[in-house]
């Protein structure tokens, strides 16, 4: 089990500790989870961004990306769009990634 009061910086922690939908990730870790999700038989369904207060996550309603708009897009392209969203959200430094099995 993972600690909900930590911001994780390794993609492997997300998959090893089953952090789907709740684990707080650094920007780089969140992008890596999106990159490797297809290899692990998942598709990115939502990204929620916010600000880290060490500890504490302040979710920002202005930083949510949903796959709903991308339903007819391949998993690889969906991952790319999720990564692009994270990169465009430069004022946010923590992300929660939600995946769905393919």
PDB file of N, CA and C in Angstrom:
ATOM      1  N   UNK A   1       0.843  -1.185   0.000  1.00  0.00           N
ATOM      2  CA  UNK A   1       0.000   0.000   0.000  1.00  0.00           C
ATOM      3  C   UNK A   1       0.885   1.244   0.000  1.00  0.00           C
ATOM      4  N   UNK A   2       0.415   2.289  -0.597  1.00  0.00           N
ATOM      5  CA  UNK A   2       1.187   3.516  -0.687  1.00  0.00           C
ATOM      6  C   UNK A   2       0.690   4.553   0.324  1.00  0.00           C
ATOM      7  N   UNK A   3       1.513   5.544   0.543  1.00  0.00           N
ATOM      8  CA  UNK A   3       1.209   6.627   1.476  1.00  0.00           C
ATOM      9  C   UNK A   3       0.526   7.754   0.702  1.00  0.00           C
ATOM     10  N   UNK A   4      -0.673   8.118   1.106  1.00  0.00           N
ATOM     11  CA  UNK A   4      -1.432   9.166   0.408  1.00  0.00           C
ATOM     12  C   UNK A   4      -0.884  10.569   0.655  1.00  0.00           C
ATOM     13  N   UNK A   5       0.071  10.713   1.559  1.00  0.00           N
ATOM     14  CA  UNK A   5       0.643  12.018   1.873  1.00  0.00           C
ATOM     15  C   UNK A   5       2.010  12.231   1.243  1.00  0.00           C
ATOM     16  N   UNK A   6       2.333  11.419   0.257  1.00  0.00           N
ATOM     17  CA  UNK A   6       3.619  11.520  -0.443  1.00  0.00           C
ATOM     18  C   UNK A   6       3.361  11.797  -1.920  1.00  0.00           C
ATOM     19  N   UNK A   7       4.226  12.597  -2.497  1.00  0.00           N
ATOM     20  CA  UNK A   7       4.207  12.805  -3.943  1.00  0.00           C
ATOM     21  C   UNK A   7       5.267  11.881  -4.527  1.00  0.00           C
ATOM     22  N   UNK A   8       4.846  10.902  -5.296  1.00  0.00           N
ATOM     23  CA  UNK A   8       5.744   9.882  -5.837  1.00  0.00           C
ATOM     24  C   UNK A   8       6.419  10.369  -7.110  1.00  0.00           C
ATOM     25  N   UNK A   9       7.671   9.986  -7.264  1.00  0.00           N
ATOM     26  CA  UNK A   9       8.447  10.443  -8.411  1.00  0.00           C
ATOM     27  C   UNK A   9       8.857   9.313  -9.354  1.00  0.00           C
ATOM     28  N   UNK A  10       8.404   8.082  -9.076  1.00  0.00           N
ATOM     29  CA  UNK A  10       8.756   6.952  -9.941  1.00  0.00           C
ATOM     30  C   UNK A  10       7.507   6.317 -10.526  1.00  0.00           C
ATOM     31  N   UNK A  11       7.541   6.149 -11.822  1.00  0.00           N
ATOM     32  CA  UNK A  11       6.448   5.483 -12.537  1.00  0.00           C
ATOM     33  C   UNK A  11       6.240   4.069 -12.006  1.00  0.00           C
ATOM     34  N   UNK A  12       7.316   3.386 -11.687  1.00  0.00           N
ATOM     35  CA  UNK A  12       7.210   2.005 -11.208  1.00  0.00           C
ATOM     36  C   UNK A  12       6.409   1.914  -9.910  1.00  0.00           C
ATOM     37  N   UNK A  13       6.498   2.927  -9.050  1.00  0.00           N
ATOM     38  CA  UNK A  13       5.700   2.922  -7.822  1.00  0.00           C
ATOM     39  C   UNK A  13       4.206   2.903  -8.128  1.00  0.00           C
ATOM     40  N   UNK A  14       3.813   3.640  -9.148  1.00  0.00           N
ATOM     41  CA  UNK A  14       2.402   3.699  -9.540  1.00  0.00           C
ATOM     42  C   UNK A  14       1.865   2.311  -9.869  1.00  0.00           C
ATOM     43  N   UNK A  15       2.605   1.582 -10.681  1.00  0.00           N
ATOM     44  CA  UNK A  15       2.153   0.254 -11.091  1.00  0.00           C
ATOM     45  C   UNK A  15       2.364  -0.789  -9.990  1.00  0.00           C
ATOM     46  N   UNK A  16       3.486  -0.721  -9.285  1.00  0.00           N
ATOM     47  CA  UNK A  16       3.774  -1.699  -8.232  1.00  0.00           C
ATOM     48  C   UNK A  16       2.840  -1.574  -7.035  1.00  0.00           C
ATOM     49  N   UNK A  17       2.480  -0.349  -6.689  1.00  0.00           N
ATOM     50  CA  UNK A  17       1.672  -0.104  -5.499  1.00  0.00           C
ATOM     51  C   UNK A  17       0.190   0.129  -5.817  1.00  0.00           C
ATOM     52  N   UNK A  18      -0.173  -0.044  -7.075  1.00  0.00           N
ATOM     53  CA  UNK A  18      -1.561   0.097  -7.531  1.00  0.00           C
ATOM     54  C   UNK A  18      -2.140   1.471  -7.165  1.00  0.00           C
ATOM     55  N   UNK A  19      -1.481   2.496  -7.665  1.00  0.00           N
ATOM     56  CA  UNK A  19      -1.865   3.865  -7.348  1.00  0.00           C
ATOM     57  C   UNK A  19      -2.915   4.473  -8.253  1.00  0.00           C
ATOM     58  N   UNK A  20      -3.545   3.673  -9.084  1.00  0.00           N
ATOM     59  CA  UNK A  20      -4.537   4.158 -10.036  1.00  0.00           C
ATOM     60  C   UNK A  20      -5.617   4.991  -9.350  1.00  0.00           C
ATOM     61  N   UNK A  21      -5.901   6.148  -9.888  1.00  0.00           N
ATOM     62  CA  UNK A  21      -6.968   7.066  -9.459  1.00  0.00           C
ATOM     63  C   UNK A  21      -6.673   7.863  -8.199  1.00  0.00           C
ATOM     64  N   UNK A  22      -5.630   7.562  -7.445  1.00  0.00           N
ATOM     65  CA  UNK A  22      -5.433   8.252  -6.168  1.00  0.00           C
ATOM     66  C   UNK A  22      -3.993   8.664  -5.865  1.00  0.00           C
ATOM     67  N   UNK A  23      -3.005   8.031  -6.455  1.00  0.00           N
ATOM     68  CA  UNK A  23      -1.612   8.319  -6.122  1.00  0.00           C
ATOM     69  C   UNK A  23      -1.193   9.673  -6.711  1.00  0.00           C
ATOM     70  N   UNK A  24      -0.557  10.492  -5.881  1.00  0.00           N
ATOM     71  CA  UNK A  24      -0.058  11.779  -6.336  1.00  0.00           C
ATOM     72  C   UNK A  24       1.326  11.587  -6.945  1.00  0.00           C
ATOM     73  N   UNK A  25       1.502  12.113  -8.159  1.00  0.00           N
ATOM     74  CA  UNK A  25       2.732  11.913  -8.920  1.00  0.00           C
ATOM     75  C   UNK A  25       3.359  13.239  -9.333  1.00  0.00           C
ATOM     76  N   UNK A  26       4.684  13.248  -9.396  1.00  0.00           N
ATOM     77  CA  UNK A  26       5.377  14.399  -9.970  1.00  0.00           C
ATOM     78  C   UNK A  26       5.028  14.479 -11.452  1.00  0.00           C
ATOM     79  N   UNK A  27       5.366  15.591 -12.040  1.00  0.00           N
ATOM     80  CA  UNK A  27       5.105  15.785 -13.472  1.00  0.00           C
ATOM     81  C   UNK A  27       5.762  14.691 -14.305  1.00  0.00           C
ATOM     82  N   UNK A  28       7.036  14.423 -14.059  1.00  0.00           N
ATOM     83  CA  UNK A  28       7.746  13.408 -14.852  1.00  0.00           C
ATOM     84  C   UNK A  28       7.177  12.011 -14.630  1.00  0.00           C
ATOM     85  N   UNK A  29       6.844  11.679 -13.394  1.00  0.00           N
ATOM     86  CA  UNK A  29       6.272  10.359 -13.112  1.00  0.00           C
ATOM     87  C   UNK A  29       4.913  10.204 -13.803  1.00  0.00           C
ATOM     88  N   UNK A  30       4.107  11.257 -13.789  1.00  0.00           N
ATOM     89  CA  UNK A  30       2.797  11.198 -14.441  1.00  0.00           C
ATOM     90  C   UNK A  30       2.951  10.997 -15.955  1.00  0.00           C
ATOM     91  N   UNK A  31       3.908  11.699 -16.555  1.00  0.00           N
ATOM     92  CA  UNK A  31       4.144  11.516 -17.993  1.00  0.00           C
ATOM     93  C   UNK A  31       4.617  10.094 -18.287  1.00  0.00           C
ATOM     94  N   UNK A  32       5.485   9.551 -17.428  1.00  0.00           N
ATOM     95  CA  UNK A  32       5.959   8.180 -17.622  1.00  0.00           C
ATOM     96  C   UNK A  32       4.832   7.167 -17.480  1.00  0.00           C
ATOM     97  N   UNK A  33       3.934   7.377 -16.531  1.00  0.00           N
ATOM     98  CA  UNK A  33       2.779   6.473 -16.391  1.00  0.00           C
ATOM     99  C   UNK A  33       1.969   6.490 -17.691  1.00  0.00           C
ATOM    100  N   UNK A  34       1.760   7.666 -18.254  1.00  0.00           N
ATOM    101  CA  UNK A  34       1.036   7.753 -19.529  1.00  0.00           C
ATOM    102  C   UNK A  34       1.796   7.039 -20.637  1.00  0.00           C
ATOM    103  N   UNK A  35       3.120   7.210 -20.679  1.00  0.00           N
ATOM    104  CA  UNK A  35       3.942   6.568 -21.712  1.00  0.00           C
ATOM    105  C   UNK A  35       3.866   5.044 -21.667  1.00  0.00           C
ATOM    106  N   UNK A  36       3.911   4.496 -20.451  1.00  0.00           N
ATOM    107  CA  UNK A  36       3.996   3.041 -20.298  1.00  0.00           C
ATOM    108  C   UNK A  36       2.652   2.366 -20.067  1.00  0.00           C
ATOM    109  N   UNK A  37       1.586   3.120 -20.008  1.00  0.00           N
ATOM    110  CA  UNK A  37       0.278   2.531 -19.713  1.00  0.00           C
ATOM    111  C   UNK A  37      -0.133   1.493 -20.759  1.00  0.00           C
ATOM    112  N   UNK A  38       0.108   1.780 -22.029  1.00  0.00           N
ATOM    113  CA  UNK A  38      -0.295   0.845 -23.085  1.00  0.00           C
ATOM    114  C   UNK A  38       0.466  -0.473 -22.970  1.00  0.00           C
ATOM    115  N   UNK A  39       1.760  -0.413 -22.639  1.00  0.00           N
ATOM    116  CA  UNK A  39       2.551  -1.637 -22.454  1.00  0.00           C
ATOM    117  C   UNK A  39       2.001  -2.494 -21.315  1.00  0.00           C
ATOM    118  N   UNK A  40       1.362  -1.859 -20.353  1.00  0.00           N
ATOM    119  CA  UNK A  40       0.789  -2.565 -19.198  1.00  0.00           C
ATOM    120  C   UNK A  40      -0.686  -2.890 -19.418  1.00  0.00           C
ATOM    121  N   UNK A  41      -1.178  -2.712 -20.653  1.00  0.00           N
ATOM    122  CA  UNK A  41      -2.567  -3.003 -21.055  1.00  0.00           C
ATOM    123  C   UNK A  41      -3.597  -2.068 -20.424  1.00  0.00           C
ATOM    124  N   UNK A  42      -3.237  -0.783 -20.344  1.00  0.00           N
ATOM    125  CA  UNK A  42      -4.147   0.247 -19.857  1.00  0.00           C
ATOM    126  C   UNK A  42      -4.228   1.384 -20.863  1.00  0.00           C
ATOM    127  N   UNK A  43      -5.282   2.163 -20.729  1.00  0.00           N
ATOM    128  CA  UNK A  43      -5.431   3.397 -21.492  1.00  0.00           C
ATOM    129  C   UNK A  43      -5.695   4.518 -20.484  1.00  0.00           C
ATOM    130  N   UNK A  44      -5.119   5.674 -20.742  1.00  0.00           N
ATOM    131  CA  UNK A  44      -5.309   6.823 -19.854  1.00  0.00           C
ATOM    132  C   UNK A  44      -6.738   7.325 -20.010  1.00  0.00           C
ATOM    133  N   UNK A  45      -7.446   7.474 -18.884  1.00  0.00           N
ATOM    134  CA  UNK A  45      -8.826   7.947 -18.958  1.00  0.00           C
ATOM    135  C   UNK A  45      -9.010   9.339 -18.353  1.00  0.00           C
ATOM    136  N   UNK A  46      -8.128   9.729 -17.416  1.00  0.00           N
ATOM    137  CA  UNK A  46      -8.273  11.055 -16.793  1.00  0.00           C
ATOM    138  C   UNK A  46      -6.945  11.475 -16.176  1.00  0.00           C
ATOM    139  N   UNK A  47      -6.702  12.773 -16.232  1.00  0.00           N
ATOM    140  CA  UNK A  47      -5.575  13.406 -15.551  1.00  0.00           C
ATOM    141  C   UNK A  47      -6.158  14.526 -14.695  1.00  0.00           C
ATOM    142  N   UNK A  48      -5.775  14.556 -13.425  1.00  0.00           N
ATOM    143  CA  UNK A  48      -6.181  15.634 -12.529  1.00  0.00           C
ATOM    144  C   UNK A  48      -4.912  16.278 -11.986  1.00  0.00           C
ATOM    145  N   UNK A  49      -4.793  17.565 -12.199  1.00  0.00           N
ATOM    146  CA  UNK A  49      -3.604  18.274 -11.757  1.00  0.00           C
ATOM    147  C   UNK A  49      -3.876  19.167 -10.571  1.00  0.00           C
ATOM    148  N   UNK A  50      -2.796  19.513  -9.891  1.00  0.00           N
ATOM    149  CA  UNK A  50      -2.930  20.391  -8.745  1.00  0.00           C
ATOM    150  C   UNK A  50      -1.595  20.896  -8.268  1.00  0.00           C
ATOM    151  N   UNK A  51      -1.603  21.375  -7.038  1.00  0.00           N
ATOM    152  CA  UNK A  51      -0.416  21.974  -6.425  1.00  0.00           C
ATOM    153  C   UNK A  51      -0.080  21.188  -5.168  1.00  0.00           C
ATOM    154  N   UNK A  52       1.193  20.878  -5.006  1.00  0.00           N
ATOM    155  CA  UNK A  52       1.667  20.120  -3.851  1.00  0.00           C
ATOM    156  C   UNK A  52       2.023  21.077  -2.720  1.00  0.00           C
ATOM    157  N   UNK A  53       1.545  20.766  -1.502  1.00  0.00           N
ATOM    158  CA  UNK A  53       1.813  21.611  -0.334  1.00  0.00           C
ATOM    159  C   UNK A  53       2.676  20.918   0.706  1.00  0.00           C
ATOM    160  N   UNK A  54       3.184  19.765   0.438  1.00  0.00           N
ATOM    161  CA  UNK A  54       4.145  18.998   1.242  1.00  0.00           C
ATOM    162  C   UNK A  54       3.833  18.927   2.742  1.00  0.00           C
ATOM    163  N   UNK A  55       2.986  18.061   3.212  1.00  0.00           N
ATOM    164  CA  UNK A  55       2.139  17.206   2.387  1.00  0.00           C
ATOM    165  C   UNK A  55       0.821  17.903   2.090  1.00  0.00           C
ATOM    166  N   UNK A  56       0.149  17.369   1.180  1.00  0.00           N
ATOM    167  CA  UNK A  56      -1.170  17.873   0.836  1.00  0.00           C
ATOM    168  C   UNK A  56      -1.286  18.191  -0.635  1.00  0.00           C
ATOM    169  N   UNK A  57      -2.410  17.838  -1.189  1.00  0.00           N
ATOM    170  CA  UNK A  57      -2.694  18.014  -2.606  1.00  0.00           C
ATOM    171  C   UNK A  57      -3.869  18.966  -2.744  1.00  0.00           C
ATOM    172  N   UNK A  58      -3.635  20.066  -3.423  1.00  0.00           N
ATOM    173  CA  UNK A  58      -4.707  21.010  -3.734  1.00  0.00           C
ATOM    174  C   UNK A  58      -5.109  20.780  -5.183  1.00  0.00           C
ATOM    175  N   UNK A  59      -6.213  20.067  -5.367  1.00  0.00           N
ATOM    176  CA  UNK A  59      -6.701  19.802  -6.714  1.00  0.00           C
ATOM    177  C   UNK A  59      -7.204  21.099  -7.328  1.00  0.00           C
ATOM    178  N   UNK A  60      -6.946  21.258  -8.611  1.00  0.00           N
ATOM    179  CA  UNK A  60      -7.371  22.449  -9.324  1.00  0.00           C
ATOM    180  C   UNK A  60      -8.394  22.067 -10.381  1.00  0.00           C
ATOM    181  N   UNK A  61      -9.548  22.657 -10.315  1.00  0.00           N
ATOM    182  CA  UNK A  61     -10.613  22.359 -11.272  1.00  0.00           C
ATOM    183  C   UNK A  61     -10.261  22.826 -12.678  1.00  0.00           C
ATOM    184  N   UNK A  62      -9.287  23.718 -12.798  1.00  0.00           N
ATOM    185  CA  UNK A  62      -8.861  24.192 -14.113  1.00  0.00           C
ATOM    186  C   UNK A  62      -7.805  23.282 -14.736  1.00  0.00           C
ATOM    187  N   UNK A  63      -7.557  22.123 -14.115  1.00  0.00           N
ATOM    188  CA  UNK A  63      -6.523  21.214 -14.617  1.00  0.00           C
ATOM    189  C   UNK A  63      -7.038  19.774 -14.618  1.00  0.00           C
ATOM    190  N   UNK A  64      -8.057  19.538 -15.428  1.00  0.00           N
ATOM    191  CA  UNK A  64      -8.615  18.191 -15.570  1.00  0.00           C
ATOM    192  C   UNK A  64      -8.709  17.870 -17.057  1.00  0.00           C
ATOM    193  N   UNK A  65      -8.199  16.707 -17.410  1.00  0.00           N
ATOM    194  CA  UNK A  65      -8.291  16.213 -18.789  1.00  0.00           C
ATOM    195  C   UNK A  65      -9.020  14.875 -18.757  1.00  0.00           C
ATOM    196  N   UNK A  66     -10.034  14.740 -19.603  1.00  0.00           N
ATOM    197  CA  UNK A  66     -10.794  13.491 -19.704  1.00  0.00           C
ATOM    198  C   UNK A  66     -10.657  12.905 -21.089  1.00  0.00           C
ATOM    199  N   UNK A  67     -10.559  11.599 -21.129  1.00  0.00           N
ATOM    200  CA  UNK A  67     -10.462  10.873 -22.388  1.00  0.00           C
ATOM    201  C   UNK A  67     -11.781  10.883 -23.146  1.00  0.00           C
ATOM    202  N   UNK A  68     -12.861  11.264 -22.546  1.00  0.00           N
ATOM    203  CA  UNK A  68     -14.184  11.230 -23.180  1.00  0.00           C
ATOM    204  C   UNK A  68     -14.141  11.844 -24.573  1.00  0.00           C
ATOM    205  N   UNK A  69     -13.413  12.934 -24.704  1.00  0.00           N
ATOM    206  CA  UNK A  69     -13.309  13.597 -26.008  1.00  0.00           C
ATOM    207  C   UNK A  69     -12.475  12.790 -26.997  1.00  0.00           C
ATOM    208  N   UNK A  70     -11.738  11.809 -26.501  1.00  0.00           N
ATOM    209  CA  UNK A  70     -10.797  11.052 -27.322  1.00  0.00           C
ATOM    210  C   UNK A  70     -11.239   9.601 -27.516  1.00  0.00           C
ATOM    211  N   UNK A  71     -12.510   9.294 -27.361  1.00  0.00           N
ATOM    212  CA  UNK A  71     -12.960   7.903 -27.344  1.00  0.00           C
ATOM    213  C   UNK A  71     -12.571   7.106 -28.587  1.00  0.00           C
ATOM    214  N   UNK A  72     -12.513   7.740 -29.722  1.00  0.00           N
ATOM    215  CA  UNK A  72     -12.186   7.019 -30.955  1.00  0.00           C
ATOM    216  C   UNK A  72     -10.706   7.080 -31.297  1.00  0.00           C
ATOM    217  N   UNK A  73      -9.891   7.466 -30.349  1.00  0.00           N
ATOM    218  CA  UNK A  73      -8.456   7.612 -30.556  1.00  0.00           C
ATOM    219  C   UNK A  73      -7.726   6.372 -30.060  1.00  0.00           C
ATOM    220  N   UNK A  74      -6.651   6.000 -30.735  1.00  0.00           N
ATOM    221  CA  UNK A  74      -5.866   4.839 -30.326  1.00  0.00           C
ATOM    222  C   UNK A  74      -5.262   5.074 -28.935  1.00  0.00           C
ATOM    223  N   UNK A  75      -4.968   3.993 -28.204  1.00  0.00           N
ATOM    224  CA  UNK A  75      -4.349   4.149 -26.884  1.00  0.00           C
ATOM    225  C   UNK A  75      -3.022   4.921 -26.931  1.00  0.00           C
ATOM    226  N   UNK A  76      -2.229   4.711 -27.978  1.00  0.00           N
ATOM    227  CA  UNK A  76      -0.953   5.412 -28.092  1.00  0.00           C
ATOM    228  C   UNK A  76      -1.163   6.914 -28.258  1.00  0.00           C
ATOM    229  N   UNK A  77      -2.114   7.298 -29.107  1.00  0.00           N
ATOM    230  CA  UNK A  77      -2.389   8.715 -29.323  1.00  0.00           C
ATOM    231  C   UNK A  77      -3.049   9.331 -28.091  1.00  0.00           C
ATOM    232  N   UNK A  78      -3.883   8.569 -27.407  1.00  0.00           N
ATOM    233  CA  UNK A  78      -4.486   9.051 -26.164  1.00  0.00           C
ATOM    234  C   UNK A  78      -3.400   9.345 -25.140  1.00  0.00           C
ATOM    235  N   UNK A  79      -2.414   8.450 -25.021  1.00  0.00           N
ATOM    236  CA  UNK A  79      -1.294   8.683 -24.104  1.00  0.00           C
ATOM    237  C   UNK A  79      -0.538   9.950 -24.481  1.00  0.00           C
ATOM    238  N   UNK A  80      -0.310  10.140 -25.763  1.00  0.00           N
ATOM    239  CA  UNK A  80       0.390  11.343 -26.242  1.00  0.00           C
ATOM    240  C   UNK A  80      -0.394  12.597 -25.880  1.00  0.00           C
ATOM    241  N   UNK A  81      -1.701  12.573 -26.044  1.00  0.00           N
ATOM    242  CA  UNK A  81      -2.525  13.743 -25.727  1.00  0.00           C
ATOM    243  C   UNK A  81      -2.532  14.007 -24.217  1.00  0.00           C
ATOM    244  N   UNK A  82      -2.525  12.944 -23.424  1.00  0.00           N
ATOM    245  CA  UNK A  82      -2.468  13.107 -21.971  1.00  0.00           C
ATOM    246  C   UNK A  82      -1.140  13.727 -21.557  1.00  0.00           C
ATOM    247  N   UNK A  83      -0.050  13.265 -22.165  1.00  0.00           N
ATOM    248  CA  UNK A  83       1.276  13.835 -21.879  1.00  0.00           C
ATOM    249  C   UNK A  83       1.318  15.301 -22.297  1.00  0.00           C
ATOM    250  N   UNK A  84       0.771  15.615 -23.452  1.00  0.00           N
ATOM    251  CA  UNK A  84       0.727  17.011 -23.906  1.00  0.00           C
ATOM    252  C   UNK A  84      -0.025  17.879 -22.904  1.00  0.00           C
ATOM    253  N   UNK A  85      -1.141  17.367 -22.378  1.00  0.00           N
ATOM    254  CA  UNK A  85      -1.913  18.110 -21.383  1.00  0.00           C
ATOM    255  C   UNK A  85      -1.069  18.389 -20.140  1.00  0.00           C
ATOM    256  N   UNK A  86      -0.353  17.378 -19.667  1.00  0.00           N
ATOM    257  CA  UNK A  86       0.496  17.550 -18.480  1.00  0.00           C
ATOM    258  C   UNK A  86       1.566  18.608 -18.754  1.00  0.00           C
ATOM    259  N   UNK A  87       2.189  18.534 -19.924  1.00  0.00           N
ATOM    260  CA  UNK A  87       3.243  19.491 -20.262  1.00  0.00           C
ATOM    261  C   UNK A  87       2.705  20.913 -20.380  1.00  0.00           C
ATOM    262  N   UNK A  88       1.474  21.062 -20.835  1.00  0.00           N
ATOM    263  CA  UNK A  88       0.857  22.386 -20.971  1.00  0.00           C
ATOM    264  C   UNK A  88       0.419  22.945 -19.616  1.00  0.00           C
ATOM    265  N   UNK A  89       0.362  22.108 -18.607  1.00  0.00           N
ATOM    266  CA  UNK A  89      -0.100  22.513 -17.269  1.00  0.00           C
ATOM    267  C   UNK A  89       1.089  22.845 -16.380  1.00  0.00           C
ATOM    268  N   UNK A  90       1.949  23.709 -16.866  1.00  0.00           N
ATOM    269  CA  UNK A  90       3.227  23.967 -16.190  1.00  0.00           C
ATOM    270  C   UNK A  90       3.079  24.602 -14.810  1.00  0.00           C
ATOM    271  N   UNK A  91       1.970  25.240 -14.502  1.00  0.00           N
ATOM    272  CA  UNK A  91       1.803  25.836 -13.181  1.00  0.00           C
ATOM    273  C   UNK A  91       1.394  24.801 -12.125  1.00  0.00           C
ATOM    274  N   UNK A  92       1.126  23.580 -12.554  1.00  0.00           N
ATOM    275  CA  UNK A  92       0.770  22.499 -11.643  1.00  0.00           C
ATOM    276  C   UNK A  92       1.959  21.550 -11.489  1.00  0.00           C
ATOM    277  N   UNK A  93       2.152  21.031 -10.273  1.00  0.00           N
ATOM    278  CA  UNK A  93       3.338  20.206 -10.025  1.00  0.00           C
ATOM    279  C   UNK A  93       3.034  18.827  -9.464  1.00  0.00           C
ATOM    280  N   UNK A  94       1.760  18.463  -9.456  1.00  0.00           N
ATOM    281  CA  UNK A  94       1.375  17.126  -8.983  1.00  0.00           C
ATOM    282  C   UNK A  94       0.137  16.684  -9.785  1.00  0.00           C
ATOM    283  N   UNK A  95       0.119  15.392 -10.102  1.00  0.00           N
ATOM    284  CA  UNK A  95      -0.952  14.862 -10.949  1.00  0.00           C
ATOM    285  C   UNK A  95      -1.442  13.524 -10.428  1.00  0.00           C
ATOM    286  N   UNK A  96      -2.730  13.297 -10.619  1.00  0.00           N
ATOM    287  CA  UNK A  96      -3.325  11.986 -10.369  1.00  0.00           C
ATOM    288  C   UNK A  96      -3.714  11.448 -11.744  1.00  0.00           C
ATOM    289  N   UNK A  97      -3.272  10.228 -12.041  1.00  0.00           N
ATOM    290  CA  UNK A  97      -3.557   9.607 -13.339  1.00  0.00           C
ATOM    291  C   UNK A  97      -4.541   8.463 -13.105  1.00  0.00           C
ATOM    292  N   UNK A  98      -5.580   8.444 -13.929  1.00  0.00           N
ATOM    293  CA  UNK A  98      -6.557   7.357 -13.886  1.00  0.00           C
ATOM    294  C   UNK A  98      -6.445   6.558 -15.176  1.00  0.00           C
ATOM    295  N   UNK A  99      -6.351   5.245 -15.013  1.00  0.00           N
ATOM    296  CA  UNK A  99      -6.225   4.323 -16.147  1.00  0.00           C
ATOM    297  C   UNK A  99      -7.399   3.357 -16.159  1.00  0.00           C
ATOM    298  N   UNK A 100      -7.708   2.867 -17.358  1.00  0.00           N
ATOM    299  CA  UNK A 100      -8.700   1.815 -17.524  1.00  0.00           C
ATOM    300  C   UNK A 100      -8.040   0.660 -18.262  1.00  0.00           C
ATOM    301  N   UNK A 101      -8.404  -0.579 -17.918  1.00  0.00           N
ATOM    302  CA  UNK A 101      -7.850  -1.711 -18.667  1.00  0.00           C
ATOM    303  C   UNK A 101      -8.301  -1.656 -20.127  1.00  0.00           C
ATOM    304  N   UNK A 102      -7.429  -2.089 -20.999  1.00  0.00           N
ATOM    305  CA  UNK A 102      -7.773  -2.143 -22.428  1.00  0.00           C
ATOM    306  C   UNK A 102      -8.532  -3.425 -22.691  1.00  0.00           C
TER     307      UNK A 102
END
